[in-house]
Amino acid sequence: MSNFIWVDREPHLADLVDHLSTKDIIAVDTESDSLYSYYEKVCLVQVSTDVEDYIIDPLAVDITPLAVIFADAGIQKIFHAAEYDIMTLRRDYGFQFNNLFDTMLAAR
């Protein structure tokens, strides 16, 4: 198991956004409380690069700065079963997405 970088403060998120903007490919996953809440919310955002893994706590830090990363067509975003992740991130944060690759769809 690799070490990960916990992001729960705005300066750390700003540094992460700057770092991710230099990458060609990132992997993204979210965790929500939909099994336990009538109106689910995103509780974690996991982002990996070729060498680092980040866990972002959207309950502790405003994640809207990630918008520039998700919208950047020059960065490929890899998801697995992206539909739910994208739905909740669009609904809660207004994110727009470009250059997505969904491994679940690719496996069909």
PDB file of N, CA and C in Angstrom:
ATOM      1  N   MET A   1       0.845  -1.177   0.000  1.00  0.00           N
ATOM      2  CA  MET A   1       0.000   0.000   0.000  1.00  0.00           C
ATOM      3  C   MET A   1       0.892   1.242   0.000  1.00  0.00           C
ATOM      4  N   SER A   2       0.581   2.153  -0.870  1.00  0.00           N
ATOM      5  CA  SER A   2       1.389   3.369  -0.949  1.00  0.00           C
ATOM      6  C   SER A   2       0.924   4.397   0.078  1.00  0.00           C
ATOM      7  N   ASN A   3       1.812   5.305   0.390  1.00  0.00           N
ATOM      8  CA  ASN A   3       1.436   6.427   1.232  1.00  0.00           C
ATOM      9  C   ASN A   3       0.549   7.364   0.430  1.00  0.00           C
ATOM     10  N   PHE A   4      -0.232   8.145   1.108  1.00  0.00           N
ATOM     11  CA  PHE A   4      -1.082   9.115   0.427  1.00  0.00           C
ATOM     12  C   PHE A   4      -0.908  10.467   1.093  1.00  0.00           C
ATOM     13  N   ILE A   5      -1.352  11.486   0.389  1.00  0.00           N
ATOM     14  CA  ILE A   5      -1.277  12.850   0.894  1.00  0.00           C
ATOM     15  C   ILE A   5      -2.695  13.305   1.215  1.00  0.00           C
ATOM     16  N   TRP A   6      -2.929  13.657   2.466  1.00  0.00           N
ATOM     17  CA  TRP A   6      -4.241  14.097   2.941  1.00  0.00           C
ATOM     18  C   TRP A   6      -4.373  15.597   2.679  1.00  0.00           C
ATOM     19  N   VAL A   7      -5.458  15.991   2.034  1.00  0.00           N
ATOM     20  CA  VAL A   7      -5.682  17.402   1.698  1.00  0.00           C
ATOM     21  C   VAL A   7      -6.955  17.862   2.402  1.00  0.00           C
ATOM     22  N   ASP A   8      -6.789  18.693   3.419  1.00  0.00           N
ATOM     23  CA  ASP A   8      -7.952  19.186   4.163  1.00  0.00           C
ATOM     24  C   ASP A   8      -7.828  20.665   4.511  1.00  0.00           C
ATOM     25  N   ARG A   9      -6.913  21.350   3.830  1.00  0.00           N
ATOM     26  CA  ARG A   9      -6.736  22.792   4.036  1.00  0.00           C
ATOM     27  C   ARG A   9      -6.585  23.461   2.681  1.00  0.00           C
ATOM     28  N   GLU A  10      -7.121  24.664   2.575  1.00  0.00           N
ATOM     29  CA  GLU A  10      -7.127  25.365   1.290  1.00  0.00           C
ATOM     30  C   GLU A  10      -5.738  25.588   0.696  1.00  0.00           C
ATOM     31  N   PRO A  11      -4.715  25.942   1.482  1.00  0.00           N
ATOM     32  CA  PRO A  11      -3.388  26.097   0.862  1.00  0.00           C
ATOM     33  C   PRO A  11      -2.872  24.794   0.244  1.00  0.00           C
ATOM     34  N   HIS A  12      -3.184  23.656   0.890  1.00  0.00           N
ATOM     35  CA  HIS A  12      -2.757  22.367   0.347  1.00  0.00           C
ATOM     36  C   HIS A  12      -3.513  22.049  -0.942  1.00  0.00           C
ATOM     37  N   LEU A  13      -4.797  22.396  -0.983  1.00  0.00           N
ATOM     38  CA  LEU A  13      -5.571  22.167  -2.201  1.00  0.00           C
ATOM     39  C   LEU A  13      -5.056  23.051  -3.333  1.00  0.00           C
ATOM     40  N   ALA A  14      -4.723  24.288  -3.044  1.00  0.00           N
ATOM     41  CA  ALA A  14      -4.168  25.178  -4.073  1.00  0.00           C
ATOM     42  C   ALA A  14      -2.866  24.611  -4.629  1.00  0.00           C
ATOM     43  N   ASP A  15      -2.017  24.080  -3.754  1.00  0.00           N
ATOM     44  CA  ASP A  15      -0.773  23.445  -4.214  1.00  0.00           C
ATOM     45  C   ASP A  15      -1.072  22.230  -5.078  1.00  0.00           C
ATOM     46  N   LEU A  16      -2.065  21.447  -4.677  1.00  0.00           N
ATOM     47  CA  LEU A  16      -2.439  20.261  -5.447  1.00  0.00           C
ATOM     48  C   LEU A  16      -2.948  20.646  -6.827  1.00  0.00           C
ATOM     49  N   VAL A  17      -3.806  21.645  -6.912  1.00  0.00           N
ATOM     50  CA  VAL A  17      -4.328  22.092  -8.211  1.00  0.00           C
ATOM     51  C   VAL A  17      -3.178  22.538  -9.111  1.00  0.00           C
ATOM     52  N   ASP A  18      -2.240  23.280  -8.565  1.00  0.00           N
ATOM     53  CA  ASP A  18      -1.065  23.685  -9.350  1.00  0.00           C
ATOM     54  C   ASP A  18      -0.300  22.467  -9.851  1.00  0.00           C
ATOM     55  N   HIS A  19      -0.122  21.486  -8.977  1.00  0.00           N
ATOM     56  CA  HIS A  19       0.610  20.270  -9.349  1.00  0.00           C
ATOM     57  C   HIS A  19      -0.144  19.469 -10.415  1.00  0.00           C
ATOM     58  N   LEU A  20      -1.445  19.279 -10.220  1.00  0.00           N
ATOM     59  CA  LEU A  20      -2.236  18.501 -11.179  1.00  0.00           C
ATOM     60  C   LEU A  20      -2.272  19.162 -12.550  1.00  0.00           C
ATOM     61  N   SER A  21      -2.174  20.469 -12.587  1.00  0.00           N
ATOM     62  CA  SER A  21      -2.216  21.174 -13.878  1.00  0.00           C
ATOM     63  C   SER A  21      -1.007  20.848 -14.748  1.00  0.00           C
ATOM     64  N   THR A  22       0.016  20.222 -14.181  1.00  0.00           N
ATOM     65  CA  THR A  22       1.203  19.834 -14.953  1.00  0.00           C
ATOM     66  C   THR A  22       1.119  18.404 -15.466  1.00  0.00           C
ATOM     67  N   LYS A  23       0.056  17.685 -15.122  1.00  0.00           N
ATOM     68  CA  LYS A  23      -0.070  16.267 -15.466  1.00  0.00           C
ATOM     69  C   LYS A  23      -0.888  16.079 -16.740  1.00  0.00           C
ATOM     70  N   ASP A  24      -0.586  15.007 -17.458  1.00  0.00           N
ATOM     71  CA  ASP A  24      -1.348  14.645 -18.653  1.00  0.00           C
ATOM     72  C   ASP A  24      -2.518  13.722 -18.325  1.00  0.00           C
ATOM     73  N   ILE A  25      -2.352  12.907 -17.279  1.00  0.00           N
ATOM     74  CA  ILE A  25      -3.357  11.908 -16.906  1.00  0.00           C
ATOM     75  C   ILE A  25      -3.468  11.873 -15.387  1.00  0.00           C
ATOM     76  N   ILE A  26      -4.712  11.828 -14.902  1.00  0.00           N
ATOM     77  CA  ILE A  26      -4.960  11.610 -13.476  1.00  0.00           C
ATOM     78  C   ILE A  26      -6.109  10.613 -13.339  1.00  0.00           C
ATOM     79  N   ALA A  27      -6.154   9.937 -12.219  1.00  0.00           N
ATOM     80  CA  ALA A  27      -7.274   9.057 -11.895  1.00  0.00           C
ATOM     81  C   ALA A  27      -8.077   9.713 -10.781  1.00  0.00           C
ATOM     82  N   VAL A  28      -9.400   9.575 -10.867  1.00  0.00           N
ATOM     83  CA  VAL A  28     -10.289  10.244  -9.912  1.00  0.00           C
ATOM     84  C   VAL A  28     -11.359   9.262  -9.443  1.00  0.00           C
ATOM     85  N   ASP A  29     -11.683   9.338  -8.167  1.00  0.00           N
ATOM     86  CA  ASP A  29     -12.787   8.567  -7.603  1.00  0.00           C
ATOM     87  C   ASP A  29     -13.377   9.385  -6.459  1.00  0.00           C
ATOM     88  N   THR A  30     -14.650   9.198  -6.214  1.00  0.00           N
ATOM     89  CA  THR A  30     -15.286   9.876  -5.082  1.00  0.00           C
ATOM     90  C   THR A  30     -15.966   8.845  -4.199  1.00  0.00           C
ATOM     91  N   GLU A  31     -16.181   9.239  -2.973  1.00  0.00           N
ATOM     92  CA  GLU A  31     -16.971   8.450  -2.029  1.00  0.00           C
ATOM     93  C   GLU A  31     -18.061   9.361  -1.494  1.00  0.00           C
ATOM     94  N   SER A  32     -19.276   8.829  -1.465  1.00  0.00           N
ATOM     95  CA  SER A  32     -20.421   9.596  -0.971  1.00  0.00           C
ATOM     96  C   SER A  32     -21.128   8.810   0.116  1.00  0.00           C
ATOM     97  N   ASP A  33     -22.012   9.483   0.823  1.00  0.00           N
ATOM     98  CA  ASP A  33     -22.757   8.831   1.899  1.00  0.00           C
ATOM     99  C   ASP A  33     -24.162   8.460   1.458  1.00  0.00           C
ATOM    100  N   SER A  34     -24.325   8.075   0.204  1.00  0.00           N
ATOM    101  CA  SER A  34     -25.657   7.853  -0.359  1.00  0.00           C
ATOM    102  C   SER A  34     -26.407   6.692   0.282  1.00  0.00           C
ATOM    103  N   LEU A  35     -25.710   5.758   0.884  1.00  0.00           N
ATOM    104  CA  LEU A  35     -26.412   4.660   1.544  1.00  0.00           C
ATOM    105  C   LEU A  35     -27.011   5.077   2.878  1.00  0.00           C
ATOM    106  N   TYR A  36     -26.541   6.197   3.415  1.00  0.00           N
ATOM    107  CA  TYR A  36     -26.924   6.583   4.767  1.00  0.00           C
ATOM    108  C   TYR A  36     -27.573   7.957   4.849  1.00  0.00           C
ATOM    109  N   SER A  37     -27.861   8.558   3.718  1.00  0.00           N
ATOM    110  CA  SER A  37     -28.356   9.929   3.732  1.00  0.00           C
ATOM    111  C   SER A  37     -29.397  10.103   2.640  1.00  0.00           C
ATOM    112  N   TYR A  38     -30.482  10.773   2.959  1.00  0.00           N
ATOM    113  CA  TYR A  38     -31.517  11.018   1.960  1.00  0.00           C
ATOM    114  C   TYR A  38     -30.974  11.864   0.817  1.00  0.00           C
ATOM    115  N   TYR A  39     -30.253  12.915   1.129  1.00  0.00           N
ATOM    116  CA  TYR A  39     -29.613  13.746   0.114  1.00  0.00           C
ATOM    117  C   TYR A  39     -28.112  13.531   0.260  1.00  0.00           C
ATOM    118  N   GLU A  40     -27.579  12.649  -0.595  1.00  0.00           N
ATOM    119  CA  GLU A  40     -26.178  12.280  -0.451  1.00  0.00           C
ATOM    120  C   GLU A  40     -25.253  13.458  -0.728  1.00  0.00           C
ATOM    121  N   LYS A  41     -24.044  13.353  -0.189  1.00  0.00           N
ATOM    122  CA  LYS A  41     -23.022  14.366  -0.446  1.00  0.00           C
ATOM    123  C   LYS A  41     -21.693  13.661  -0.667  1.00  0.00           C
ATOM    124  N   VAL A  42     -20.827  14.315  -1.408  1.00  0.00           N
ATOM    125  CA  VAL A  42     -19.489  13.794  -1.636  1.00  0.00           C
ATOM    126  C   VAL A  42     -18.701  13.957  -0.339  1.00  0.00           C
ATOM    127  N   CYS A  43     -18.132  12.863   0.146  1.00  0.00           N
ATOM    128  CA  CYS A  43     -17.397  12.877   1.417  1.00  0.00           C
ATOM    129  C   CYS A  43     -15.889  12.766   1.236  1.00  0.00           C
ATOM    130  N   LEU A  44     -15.440  12.234   0.116  1.00  0.00           N
ATOM    131  CA  LEU A  44     -14.014  12.136  -0.199  1.00  0.00           C
ATOM    132  C   LEU A  44     -13.829  12.231  -1.700  1.00  0.00           C
ATOM    133  N   VAL A  45     -12.732  12.843  -2.110  1.00  0.00           N
ATOM    134  CA  VAL A  45     -12.312  12.825  -3.509  1.00  0.00           C
ATOM    135  C   VAL A  45     -10.895  12.272  -3.514  1.00  0.00           C
ATOM    136  N   GLN A  46     -10.698  11.218  -4.282  1.00  0.00           N
ATOM    137  CA  GLN A  46      -9.382  10.600  -4.392  1.00  0.00           C
ATOM    138  C   GLN A  46      -8.822  10.908  -5.769  1.00  0.00           C
ATOM    139  N   VAL A  47      -7.603  11.401  -5.802  1.00  0.00           N
ATOM    140  CA  VAL A  47      -6.944  11.736  -7.062  1.00  0.00           C
ATOM    141  C   VAL A  47      -5.563  11.098  -7.043  1.00  0.00           C
ATOM    142  N   SER A  48      -5.227  10.416  -8.129  1.00  0.00           N
ATOM    143  CA  SER A  48      -3.899   9.817  -8.243  1.00  0.00           C
ATOM    144  C   SER A  48      -3.227  10.286  -9.514  1.00  0.00           C
ATOM    145  N   THR A  49      -1.916  10.481  -9.406  1.00  0.00           N
ATOM    146  CA  THR A  49      -1.081  10.744 -10.572  1.00  0.00           C
ATOM    147  C   THR A  49      -0.232   9.498 -10.784  1.00  0.00           C
ATOM    148  N   ASP A  50       0.751   9.608 -11.648  1.00  0.00           N
ATOM    149  CA  ASP A  50       1.616   8.456 -11.883  1.00  0.00           C
ATOM    150  C   ASP A  50       2.464   8.101 -10.663  1.00  0.00           C
ATOM    151  N   VAL A  51       2.633   9.023  -9.734  1.00  0.00           N
ATOM    152  CA  VAL A  51       3.487   8.735  -8.572  1.00  0.00           C
ATOM    153  C   VAL A  51       2.877   9.091  -7.218  1.00  0.00           C
ATOM    154  N   GLU A  52       1.783   9.854  -7.182  1.00  0.00           N
ATOM    155  CA  GLU A  52       1.219  10.279  -5.905  1.00  0.00           C
ATOM    156  C   GLU A  52      -0.266   9.961  -5.821  1.00  0.00           C
ATOM    157  N   ASP A  53      -0.702   9.748  -4.595  1.00  0.00           N
ATOM    158  CA  ASP A  53      -2.120   9.544  -4.307  1.00  0.00           C
ATOM    159  C   ASP A  53      -2.553  10.603  -3.303  1.00  0.00           C
ATOM    160  N   TYR A  54      -3.680  11.247  -3.589  1.00  0.00           N
ATOM    161  CA  TYR A  54      -4.197  12.315  -2.737  1.00  0.00           C
ATOM    162  C   TYR A  54      -5.598  11.952  -2.290  1.00  0.00           C
ATOM    163  N   ILE A  55      -5.894  12.222  -1.046  1.00  0.00           N
ATOM    164  CA  ILE A  55      -7.255  12.097  -0.537  1.00  0.00           C
ATOM    165  C   ILE A  55      -7.678  13.483  -0.079  1.00  0.00           C
ATOM    166  N   ILE A  56      -8.724  13.988  -0.718  1.00  0.00           N
ATOM    167  CA  ILE A  56      -9.211  15.340  -0.454  1.00  0.00           C
ATOM    168  C   ILE A  56     -10.498  15.232   0.358  1.00  0.00           C
ATOM    169  N   ASP A  57     -10.572  16.001   1.426  1.00  0.00           N
ATOM    170  CA  ASP A  57     -11.736  15.997   2.308  1.00  0.00           C
ATOM    171  C   ASP A  57     -12.632  17.193   1.982  1.00  0.00           C
ATOM    172  N   PRO A  58     -13.679  16.994   1.169  1.00  0.00           N
ATOM    173  CA  PRO A  58     -14.548  18.116   0.809  1.00  0.00           C
ATOM    174  C   PRO A  58     -15.439  18.588   1.955  1.00  0.00           C
ATOM    175  N   LEU A  59     -15.444  17.865   3.061  1.00  0.00           N
ATOM    176  CA  LEU A  59     -16.173  18.329   4.235  1.00  0.00           C
ATOM    177  C   LEU A  59     -15.344  19.334   5.028  1.00  0.00           C
ATOM    178  N   ALA A  60     -14.034  19.360   4.758  1.00  0.00           N
ATOM    179  CA  ALA A  60     -13.135  20.269   5.474  1.00  0.00           C
ATOM    180  C   ALA A  60     -12.637  21.417   4.607  1.00  0.00           C
ATOM    181  N   VAL A  61     -12.646  21.235   3.295  1.00  0.00           N
ATOM    182  CA  VAL A  61     -12.087  22.246   2.394  1.00  0.00           C
ATOM    183  C   VAL A  61     -13.001  22.397   1.176  1.00  0.00           C
ATOM    184  N   ASP A  62     -13.159  23.613   0.712  1.00  0.00           N
ATOM    185  CA  ASP A  62     -13.943  23.898  -0.490  1.00  0.00           C
ATOM    186  C   ASP A  62     -13.171  23.382  -1.702  1.00  0.00           C
ATOM    187  N   ILE A  63     -13.747  22.423  -2.415  1.00  0.00           N
ATOM    188  CA  ILE A  63     -13.028  21.802  -3.529  1.00  0.00           C
ATOM    189  C   ILE A  63     -13.291  22.468  -4.878  1.00  0.00           C
ATOM    190  N   THR A  64     -13.994  23.584  -4.892  1.00  0.00           N
ATOM    191  CA  THR A  64     -14.276  24.226  -6.185  1.00  0.00           C
ATOM    192  C   THR A  64     -13.022  24.596  -6.975  1.00  0.00           C
ATOM    193  N   PRO A  65     -11.842  24.808  -6.371  1.00  0.00           N
ATOM    194  CA  PRO A  65     -10.656  25.039  -7.193  1.00  0.00           C
ATOM    195  C   PRO A  65     -10.312  23.878  -8.139  1.00  0.00           C
ATOM    196  N   LEU A  66     -10.846  22.683  -7.874  1.00  0.00           N
ATOM    197  CA  LEU A  66     -10.614  21.558  -8.781  1.00  0.00           C
ATOM    198  C   LEU A  66     -11.310  21.740 -10.126  1.00  0.00           C
ATOM    199  N   ALA A  67     -12.192  22.715 -10.228  1.00  0.00           N
ATOM    200  CA  ALA A  67     -12.940  22.938 -11.473  1.00  0.00           C
ATOM    201  C   ALA A  67     -12.017  23.094 -12.674  1.00  0.00           C
ATOM    202  N   VAL A  68     -10.921  23.804 -12.505  1.00  0.00           N
ATOM    203  CA  VAL A  68     -10.016  24.029 -13.644  1.00  0.00           C
ATOM    204  C   VAL A  68      -9.372  22.731 -14.104  1.00  0.00           C
ATOM    205  N   ILE A  69      -9.147  21.805 -13.192  1.00  0.00           N
ATOM    206  CA  ILE A  69      -8.559  20.510 -13.551  1.00  0.00           C
ATOM    207  C   ILE A  69      -9.580  19.661 -14.300  1.00  0.00           C
ATOM    208  N   PHE A  70     -10.796  19.573 -13.776  1.00  0.00           N
ATOM    209  CA  PHE A  70     -11.819  18.751 -14.415  1.00  0.00           C
ATOM    210  C   PHE A  70     -12.202  19.284 -15.795  1.00  0.00           C
ATOM    211  N   ALA A  71     -12.175  20.581 -15.985  1.00  0.00           N
ATOM    212  CA  ALA A  71     -12.553  21.178 -17.270  1.00  0.00           C
ATOM    213  C   ALA A  71     -11.417  21.165 -18.287  1.00  0.00           C
ATOM    214  N   ASP A  72     -10.200  20.956 -17.852  1.00  0.00           N
ATOM    215  CA  ASP A  72      -9.026  21.032 -18.729  1.00  0.00           C
ATOM    216  C   ASP A  72      -8.987  19.841 -19.686  1.00  0.00           C
ATOM    217  N   ALA A  73      -9.186  20.099 -20.971  1.00  0.00           N
ATOM    218  CA  ALA A  73      -9.174  19.034 -21.973  1.00  0.00           C
ATOM    219  C   ALA A  73      -7.781  18.447 -22.177  1.00  0.00           C
ATOM    220  N   GLY A  74      -6.757  19.128 -21.720  1.00  0.00           N
ATOM    221  CA  GLY A  74      -5.392  18.632 -21.846  1.00  0.00           C
ATOM    222  C   GLY A  74      -5.005  17.615 -20.788  1.00  0.00           C
ATOM    223  N   ILE A  75      -5.879  17.420 -19.807  1.00  0.00           N
ATOM    224  CA  ILE A  75      -5.633  16.431 -18.754  1.00  0.00           C
ATOM    225  C   ILE A  75      -6.693  15.344 -18.877  1.00  0.00           C
ATOM    226  N   GLN A  76      -6.260  14.112 -19.136  1.00  0.00           N
ATOM    227  CA  GLN A  76      -7.217  13.016 -19.188  1.00  0.00           C
ATOM    228  C   GLN A  76      -7.564  12.593 -17.766  1.00  0.00           C
ATOM    229  N   LYS A  77      -8.867  12.496 -17.497  1.00  0.00           N
ATOM    230  CA  LYS A  77      -9.362  12.067 -16.199  1.00  0.00           C
ATOM    231  C   LYS A  77      -9.888  10.642 -16.331  1.00  0.00           C
ATOM    232  N   ILE A  78      -9.303   9.715 -15.588  1.00  0.00           N
ATOM    233  CA  ILE A  78      -9.717   8.319 -15.623  1.00  0.00           C
ATOM    234  C   ILE A  78     -10.596   8.044 -14.409  1.00  0.00           C
ATOM    235  N   PHE A  79     -11.785   7.543 -14.686  1.00  0.00           N
ATOM    236  CA  PHE A  79     -12.751   7.166 -13.649  1.00  0.00           C
ATOM    237  C   PHE A  79     -13.121   5.702 -13.859  1.00  0.00           C
ATOM    238  N   HIS A  80     -13.714   5.091 -12.868  1.00  0.00           N
ATOM    239  CA  HIS A  80     -14.376   3.804 -13.029  1.00  0.00           C
ATOM    240  C   HIS A  80     -15.828   4.023 -12.627  1.00  0.00           C
ATOM    241  N   ALA A  81     -16.732   3.707 -13.534  1.00  0.00           N
ATOM    242  CA  ALA A  81     -18.161   3.945 -13.300  1.00  0.00           C
ATOM    243  C   ALA A  81     -18.386   5.423 -12.990  1.00  0.00           C
ATOM    244  N   ALA A  82     -18.025   6.255 -13.923  1.00  0.00           N
ATOM    245  CA  ALA A  82     -17.974   7.708 -13.730  1.00  0.00           C
ATOM    246  C   ALA A  82     -19.331   8.379 -13.561  1.00  0.00           C
ATOM    247  N   GLU A  83     -20.387   7.759 -14.008  1.00  0.00           N
ATOM    248  CA  GLU A  83     -21.686   8.429 -14.054  1.00  0.00           C
ATOM    249  C   GLU A  83     -22.096   9.037 -12.710  1.00  0.00           C
ATOM    250  N   TYR A  84     -22.009   8.271 -11.638  1.00  0.00           N
ATOM    251  CA  TYR A  84     -22.435   8.767 -10.325  1.00  0.00           C
ATOM    252  C   TYR A  84     -21.490   9.851  -9.817  1.00  0.00           C
ATOM    253  N   ASP A  85     -20.177   9.641  -9.979  1.00  0.00           N
ATOM    254  CA  ASP A  85     -19.200  10.649  -9.552  1.00  0.00           C
ATOM    255  C   ASP A  85     -19.467  11.978 -10.250  1.00  0.00           C
ATOM    256  N   ILE A  86     -19.647  11.920 -11.550  1.00  0.00           N
ATOM    257  CA  ILE A  86     -19.864  13.142 -12.326  1.00  0.00           C
ATOM    258  C   ILE A  86     -21.181  13.806 -11.935  1.00  0.00           C
ATOM    259  N   MET A  87     -22.229  13.003 -11.744  1.00  0.00           N
ATOM    260  CA  MET A  87     -23.522  13.568 -11.366  1.00  0.00           C
ATOM    261  C   MET A  87     -23.427  14.348 -10.058  1.00  0.00           C
ATOM    262  N   THR A  88     -22.798  13.754  -9.043  1.00  0.00           N
ATOM    263  CA  THR A  88     -22.735  14.437  -7.749  1.00  0.00           C
ATOM    264  C   THR A  88     -21.791  15.633  -7.788  1.00  0.00           C
ATOM    265  N   LEU A  89     -20.686  15.519  -8.491  1.00  0.00           N
ATOM    266  CA  LEU A  89     -19.753  16.649  -8.574  1.00  0.00           C
ATOM    267  C   LEU A  89     -20.349  17.807  -9.376  1.00  0.00           C
ATOM    268  N   ARG A  90     -21.085  17.504 -10.437  1.00  0.00           N
ATOM    269  CA  ARG A  90     -21.765  18.572 -11.198  1.00  0.00           C
ATOM    270  C   ARG A  90     -22.837  19.240 -10.344  1.00  0.00           C
ATOM    271  N   ARG A  91     -23.645  18.421  -9.704  1.00  0.00           N
ATOM    272  CA  ARG A  91     -24.753  18.949  -8.911  1.00  0.00           C
ATOM    273  C   ARG A  91     -24.266  19.807  -7.748  1.00  0.00           C
ATOM    274  N   ASP A  92     -23.289  19.313  -7.015  1.00  0.00           N
ATOM    275  CA  ASP A  92     -22.868  19.992  -5.787  1.00  0.00           C
ATOM    276  C   ASP A  92     -21.866  21.117  -6.007  1.00  0.00           C
ATOM    277  N   TYR A  93     -21.083  21.030  -7.084  1.00  0.00           N
ATOM    278  CA  TYR A  93     -20.012  22.013  -7.284  1.00  0.00           C
ATOM    279  C   TYR A  93     -20.056  22.709  -8.639  1.00  0.00           C
ATOM    280  N   GLY A  94     -20.955  22.278  -9.520  1.00  0.00           N
ATOM    281  CA  GLY A  94     -21.052  22.901 -10.834  1.00  0.00           C
ATOM    282  C   GLY A  94     -19.899  22.569 -11.765  1.00  0.00           C
ATOM    283  N   PHE A  95     -19.157  21.507 -11.463  1.00  0.00           N
ATOM    284  CA  PHE A  95     -18.008  21.146 -12.293  1.00  0.00           C
ATOM    285  C   PHE A  95     -18.441  20.750 -13.697  1.00  0.00           C
ATOM    286  N   GLN A  96     -17.624  21.103 -14.661  1.00  0.00           N
ATOM    287  CA  GLN A  96     -17.754  20.644 -16.040  1.00  0.00           C
ATOM    288  C   GLN A  96     -16.568  19.728 -16.313  1.00  0.00           C
ATOM    289  N   PHE A  97     -16.771  18.729 -17.151  1.00  0.00           N
ATOM    290  CA  PHE A  97     -15.738  17.721 -17.383  1.00  0.00           C
ATOM    291  C   PHE A  97     -15.384  17.630 -18.860  1.00  0.00           C
ATOM    292  N   ASN A  98     -14.106  17.519 -19.123  1.00  0.00           N
ATOM    293  CA  ASN A  98     -13.585  17.275 -20.468  1.00  0.00           C
ATOM    294  C   ASN A  98     -12.535  16.179 -20.385  1.00  0.00           C
ATOM    295  N   ASN A  99     -12.435  15.408 -21.466  1.00  0.00           N
ATOM    296  CA  ASN A  99     -11.407  14.378 -21.619  1.00  0.00           C
ATOM    297  C   ASN A  99     -11.492  13.322 -20.519  1.00  0.00           C
ATOM    298  N   LEU A 100     -12.638  12.636 -20.484  1.00  0.00           N
ATOM    299  CA  LEU A 100     -12.864  11.562 -19.519  1.00  0.00           C
ATOM    300  C   LEU A 100     -12.637  10.207 -20.162  1.00  0.00           C
ATOM    301  N   PHE A 101     -12.162   9.270 -19.367  1.00  0.00           N
ATOM    302  CA  PHE A 101     -12.072   7.871 -19.773  1.00  0.00           C
ATOM    303  C   PHE A 101     -12.662   7.057 -18.640  1.00  0.00           C
ATOM    304  N   ASP A 102     -13.692   6.273 -18.943  1.00  0.00           N
ATOM    305  CA  ASP A 102     -14.367   5.458 -17.942  1.00  0.00           C
ATOM    306  C   ASP A 102     -13.963   4.001 -18.157  1.00  0.00           C
ATOM    307  N   THR A 103     -13.242   3.433 -17.209  1.00  0.00           N
ATOM    308  CA  THR A 103     -12.756   2.063 -17.364  1.00  0.00           C
ATOM    309  C   THR A 103     -13.892   1.047 -17.389  1.00  0.00           C
ATOM    310  N   MET A 104     -15.009   1.343 -16.720  1.00  0.00           N
ATOM    311  CA  MET A 104     -16.133   0.415 -16.754  1.00  0.00           C
ATOM    312  C   MET A 104     -16.727   0.346 -18.157  1.00  0.00           C
ATOM    313  N   LEU A 105     -16.895   1.495 -18.785  1.00  0.00           N
ATOM    314  CA  LEU A 105     -17.416   1.496 -20.153  1.00  0.00           C
ATOM    315  C   LEU A 105     -16.428   0.844 -21.116  1.00  0.00           C
ATOM    316  N   ALA A 106     -15.156   1.078 -20.896  1.00  0.00           N
ATOM    317  CA  ALA A 106     -14.133   0.497 -21.774  1.00  0.00           C
ATOM    318  C   ALA A 106     -14.091  -1.022 -21.662  1.00  0.00           C
ATOM    319  N   ALA A 107     -14.471  -1.562 -20.506  1.00  0.00           N
ATOM    320  CA  ALA A 107     -14.423  -3.005 -20.290  1.00  0.00           C
ATOM    321  C   ALA A 107     -15.601  -3.737 -20.925  1.00  0.00           C
ATOM    322  N   ARG A 108     -16.610  -3.011 -21.350  1.00  0.00           N
ATOM    323  CA  ARG A 108     -17.802  -3.657 -21.939  1.00  0.00           C
ATOM    324  C   ARG A 108     -17.521  -4.169 -23.318  1.00  0.00           C
TER     325      ARG A 108
END
